[in-house]
Amino acid sequence: MRVIAAEIGKFIQKEPSEAKLLLETIWNEGSFEARQIAGKCLEKFGPKNPKICLHFVSSVLHDLDNWAVCDNLAMFGVEPIVYSNPELVLPLSEKGIKSENK
């Protein structure tokens, strides 16, 4: 899965305009493995494209159904952005805190 995610990650870094559609397509396949790959793809993509990355993560939060996928998105998708662009993450955190659907 790491090799697949690394290759997809390289592609979306070169083609960020295609990232949202490709990530959504992988995520919507629905399997645990596909969702792990989608999260891992964000590792190097996210810090250079934080808005696209955070938008994707936000759009799939309602689908989270297990700790491993949640942790993968947090560690590879959100954590690097917290350090490089914390001002982008804070509004999402506040929205999450206020949400009824935790």
Protein backbone atom coordinates (compact mmCIF):
# COMPACT_ATOMS: atom_id res chain seq x y z
CA MET A 1 0.00 0.00 0.00
CA ARG A 2 2.90 2.35 0.74
CA VAL A 3 4.33 1.94 -2.75
CA ILE A 4 0.96 2.60 -4.37
CA ALA A 5 0.38 5.63 -2.16
CA ALA A 6 3.86 6.98 -2.93
CA GLU A 7 3.28 6.73 -6.68
CA ILE A 8 -0.14 8.37 -6.45
CA GLY A 9 1.39 11.02 -4.18
CA LYS A 10 4.03 11.81 -6.81
CA PHE A 11 1.34 12.15 -9.46
CA ILE A 12 -0.87 14.50 -7.46
CA GLN A 13 2.14 16.64 -6.58
CA LYS A 14 2.74 17.14 -10.30
CA GLU A 15 -0.97 17.54 -11.08
CA PRO A 16 -2.60 19.20 -8.04
CA SER A 17 -5.65 20.14 -10.10
CA GLU A 18 -6.36 16.42 -10.48
CA ALA A 19 -5.76 15.59 -6.81
CA LYS A 20 -9.28 16.15 -5.48
CA LEU A 21 -10.94 13.92 -8.08
CA LEU A 22 -8.33 11.18 -7.79
CA LEU A 23 -8.37 11.16 -3.98
CA GLU A 24 -12.18 11.09 -3.92
CA THR A 25 -12.23 8.24 -6.43
CA ILE A 26 -9.81 6.19 -4.33
CA TRP A 27 -11.66 7.03 -1.09
CA ASN A 28 -15.07 6.21 -2.56
CA GLU A 29 -13.92 2.72 -3.49
CA GLY A 30 -14.76 2.25 0.18
CA SER A 31 -12.37 -0.42 1.37
CA PHE A 32 -10.10 -0.02 4.36
CA GLU A 33 -7.07 -0.35 2.11
CA ALA A 34 -8.25 2.26 -0.39
CA ARG A 35 -8.87 4.74 2.40
CA GLN A 36 -5.45 4.05 3.89
CA ILE A 37 -3.89 4.72 0.49
CA ALA A 38 -5.82 7.97 0.09
CA GLY A 39 -4.61 9.17 3.48
CA LYS A 40 -1.00 8.16 2.87
CA CYS A 41 -1.02 10.00 -0.49
CA LEU A 42 -1.36 13.26 1.43
CA GLU A 43 1.97 12.93 3.22
CA LYS A 44 4.06 15.00 0.81
CA PHE A 45 1.17 16.58 -1.08
CA GLY A 46 -0.50 18.27 1.88
CA PRO A 47 2.22 20.67 3.01
CA LYS A 48 2.61 22.05 -0.52
CA ASN A 49 -1.16 22.10 -1.20
CA PRO A 50 -2.71 22.64 2.23
CA LYS A 51 -6.08 23.98 1.11
CA ILE A 52 -6.74 21.09 -1.27
CA CYS A 53 -5.59 18.62 1.36
CA LEU A 54 -7.71 20.06 4.16
CA HIS A 55 -10.72 20.31 1.89
CA PHE A 56 -10.37 16.62 1.05
CA VAL A 57 -9.95 15.61 4.70
CA SER A 58 -12.95 17.71 5.71
CA SER A 59 -15.06 16.19 2.95
CA VAL A 60 -14.49 12.61 4.13
CA LEU A 61 -14.83 13.05 7.88
CA HIS A 62 -18.42 11.80 7.79
CA ASP A 63 -17.15 8.47 6.39
CA LEU A 64 -14.73 7.71 9.22
CA ASP A 65 -15.64 4.45 10.86
CA ASN A 66 -12.42 3.26 12.43
CA TRP A 67 -9.42 4.52 14.32
CA ALA A 68 -6.77 3.46 11.79
CA VAL A 69 -8.19 5.46 8.87
CA CYS A 70 -8.80 8.46 11.12
CA ASP A 71 -5.22 8.30 12.42
CA ASN A 72 -3.85 7.96 8.89
CA LEU A 73 -5.66 11.10 7.71
CA ALA A 74 -4.58 12.99 10.81
CA MET A 75 -0.92 11.99 10.68
CA PHE A 76 -0.35 12.24 6.94
CA GLY A 77 -2.94 14.80 5.91
CA VAL A 78 -3.37 17.24 8.77
CA GLU A 79 -0.32 17.08 11.05
CA PRO A 80 2.21 18.50 8.54
CA ILE A 81 -0.16 21.41 7.84
CA VAL A 82 -0.58 22.13 11.54
CA TYR A 83 3.14 22.90 11.69
CA SER A 84 3.41 24.81 8.42
CA ASN A 85 0.02 26.60 8.29
CA PRO A 86 -1.71 26.42 11.68
CA GLU A 87 -4.03 29.28 10.73
CA LEU A 88 -5.68 26.99 8.16
CA VAL A 89 -6.32 24.21 10.66
CA LEU A 90 -7.74 26.22 13.54
CA PRO A 91 -11.09 27.06 11.84
CA LEU A 92 -11.56 23.37 11.00
CA SER A 93 -10.81 22.41 14.58
CA GLU A 94 -13.33 24.91 15.87
CA LYS A 95 -15.94 23.61 13.43
CA GLY A 96 -15.27 20.05 14.56
CA ILE A 97 -15.60 20.96 18.22
CA LYS A 98 -19.01 22.52 17.58
CA SER A 99 -20.25 19.65 15.40
CA GLU A 100 -22.92 17.31 16.75
CA ASN A 101 -21.41 14.46 14.68
CA LYS A 102 -18.14 13.76 16.46
